[in-house]
């Protein structure tokens, strides 16, 4: 099974080797046919602390790195 890849914006980089990424998805409501925006935050592993707040990054699923980290940053 391929690993999921998501794109989002870095909202926090205060922790060592970790960034918080806000991923927004848009879909059409099944009944109302209105476009709905939902967002979710993921904590991702950033080995060299290269990404800062506001950067657009791509994250990929990985084996658990810590209690909350199950994603890693692959590119900007």
C-alpha atoms as a PDB file:
ATOM      1  CA  UNK A   1       0.000   0.000   0.000  1.00  0.00           C
ATOM      2  CA  UNK A   2       1.474   3.387  -0.980  1.00  0.00           C
ATOM      3  CA  UNK A   3       2.157   6.013   1.645  1.00  0.00           C
ATOM      4  CA  UNK A   4      -0.191   8.982   1.779  1.00  0.00           C
ATOM      5  CA  UNK A   5       1.234  12.373   0.825  1.00  0.00           C
ATOM      6  CA  UNK A   6      -0.454  15.596   1.975  1.00  0.00           C
ATOM      7  CA  UNK A   7       0.311  19.259   1.349  1.00  0.00           C
ATOM      8  CA  UNK A   8      -0.087  21.969   3.956  1.00  0.00           C
ATOM      9  CA  UNK A   9       1.300  25.044   5.676  1.00  0.00           C
ATOM     10  CA  UNK A  10       3.677  25.061   8.646  1.00  0.00           C
ATOM     11  CA  UNK A  11       1.952  26.702  11.632  1.00  0.00           C
ATOM     12  CA  UNK A  12       4.552  26.002  14.341  1.00  0.00           C
ATOM     13  CA  UNK A  13       8.254  25.153  14.450  1.00  0.00           C
ATOM     14  CA  UNK A  14       9.003  25.686  18.143  1.00  0.00           C
ATOM     15  CA  UNK A  15       9.784  22.063  19.003  1.00  0.00           C
ATOM     16  CA  UNK A  16      13.091  20.415  18.123  1.00  0.00           C
ATOM     17  CA  UNK A  17      12.940  18.410  14.871  1.00  0.00           C
ATOM     18  CA  UNK A  18       9.158  18.854  14.693  1.00  0.00           C
ATOM     19  CA  UNK A  19       6.819  21.067  12.707  1.00  0.00           C
ATOM     20  CA  UNK A  20       3.049  21.374  12.957  1.00  0.00           C
ATOM     21  CA  UNK A  21       1.419  21.335   9.515  1.00  0.00           C
ATOM     22  CA  UNK A  22      -2.118  22.540   8.824  1.00  0.00           C
ATOM     23  CA  UNK A  23      -3.685  20.548   5.963  1.00  0.00           C
ATOM     24  CA  UNK A  24      -6.897  21.885   4.446  1.00  0.00           C
ATOM     25  CA  UNK A  25      -9.242  19.810   2.325  1.00  0.00           C
ATOM     26  CA  UNK A  26     -12.215  20.973   0.281  1.00  0.00           C
ATOM     27  CA  UNK A  27     -15.200  18.907  -0.713  1.00  0.00           C
ATOM     28  CA  UNK A  28     -18.763  19.376  -1.831  1.00  0.00           C
ATOM     29  CA  UNK A  29     -21.456  18.784   0.792  1.00  0.00           C
ATOM     30  CA  UNK A  30     -23.498  15.748  -0.314  1.00  0.00           C
ATOM     31  CA  UNK A  31     -26.911  17.324   0.278  1.00  0.00           C
ATOM     32  CA  UNK A  32     -26.402  21.076   0.078  1.00  0.00           C
ATOM     33  CA  UNK A  33     -23.823  20.966  -2.762  1.00  0.00           C
ATOM     34  CA  UNK A  34     -21.880  23.744  -1.044  1.00  0.00           C
ATOM     35  CA  UNK A  35     -18.089  23.667  -0.958  1.00  0.00           C
ATOM     36  CA  UNK A  36     -16.931  22.919   2.593  1.00  0.00           C
ATOM     37  CA  UNK A  37     -13.430  23.601   3.959  1.00  0.00           C
ATOM     38  CA  UNK A  38     -12.092  21.324   6.696  1.00  0.00           C
ATOM     39  CA  UNK A  39      -8.641  21.471   8.197  1.00  0.00           C
ATOM     40  CA  UNK A  40      -6.542  19.228  10.392  1.00  0.00           C
ATOM     41  CA  UNK A  41      -3.144  19.624  12.045  1.00  0.00           C
ATOM     42  CA  UNK A  42      -0.422  17.006  11.766  1.00  0.00           C
ATOM     43  CA  UNK A  43       2.894  16.897  13.613  1.00  0.00           C
ATOM     44  CA  UNK A  44       5.704  15.992  11.235  1.00  0.00           C
ATOM     45  CA  UNK A  45       9.374  15.122  11.666  1.00  0.00           C
ATOM     46  CA  UNK A  46      11.782  17.785  10.344  1.00  0.00           C
ATOM     47  CA  UNK A  47      15.291  16.356  10.787  1.00  0.00           C
ATOM     48  CA  UNK A  48      17.342  19.554  10.328  1.00  0.00           C
ATOM     49  CA  UNK A  49      14.817  22.202  11.468  1.00  0.00           C
ATOM     50  CA  UNK A  50      14.836  23.683   7.967  1.00  0.00           C
ATOM     51  CA  UNK A  51      11.175  24.724   7.684  1.00  0.00           C
ATOM     52  CA  UNK A  52       9.729  27.871   9.260  1.00  0.00           C
ATOM     53  CA  UNK A  53       6.215  29.172   9.941  1.00  0.00           C
ATOM     54  CA  UNK A  54       4.353  29.956   6.723  1.00  0.00           C
ATOM     55  CA  UNK A  55       6.252  27.512   4.485  1.00  0.00           C
ATOM     56  CA  UNK A  56       4.213  25.233   2.225  1.00  0.00           C
ATOM     57  CA  UNK A  57       5.420  21.657   2.642  1.00  0.00           C
ATOM     58  CA  UNK A  58       4.536  18.106   1.635  1.00  0.00           C
ATOM     59  CA  UNK A  59       4.365  15.434   4.326  1.00  0.00           C
ATOM     60  CA  UNK A  60       4.398  11.647   4.007  1.00  0.00           C
ATOM     61  CA  UNK A  61       3.251   8.855   6.292  1.00  0.00           C
ATOM     62  CA  UNK A  62       5.988   7.000   8.138  1.00  0.00           C
ATOM     63  CA  UNK A  63       6.528   4.662  11.052  1.00  0.00           C
ATOM     64  CA  UNK A  64       5.882   6.327  14.435  1.00  0.00           C
ATOM     65  CA  UNK A  65       8.761   8.631  15.430  1.00  0.00           C
ATOM     66  CA  UNK A  66       7.277   9.600  18.810  1.00  0.00           C
ATOM     67  CA  UNK A  67       3.973   9.630  20.681  1.00  0.00           C
ATOM     68  CA  UNK A  68       2.385  12.134  18.296  1.00  0.00           C
ATOM     69  CA  UNK A  69       4.547  12.063  15.143  1.00  0.00           C
ATOM     70  CA  UNK A  70       3.498   9.695  12.343  1.00  0.00           C
ATOM     71  CA  UNK A  71       4.478  11.941   9.408  1.00  0.00           C
ATOM     72  CA  UNK A  72       7.734  13.292   7.971  1.00  0.00           C
ATOM     73  CA  UNK A  73       8.412  16.328   5.809  1.00  0.00           C
ATOM     74  CA  UNK A  74       9.608  15.286   2.350  1.00  0.00           C
ATOM     75  CA  UNK A  75       9.920  18.591   0.475  1.00  0.00           C
ATOM     76  CA  UNK A  76       8.970  22.250   0.469  1.00  0.00           C
END
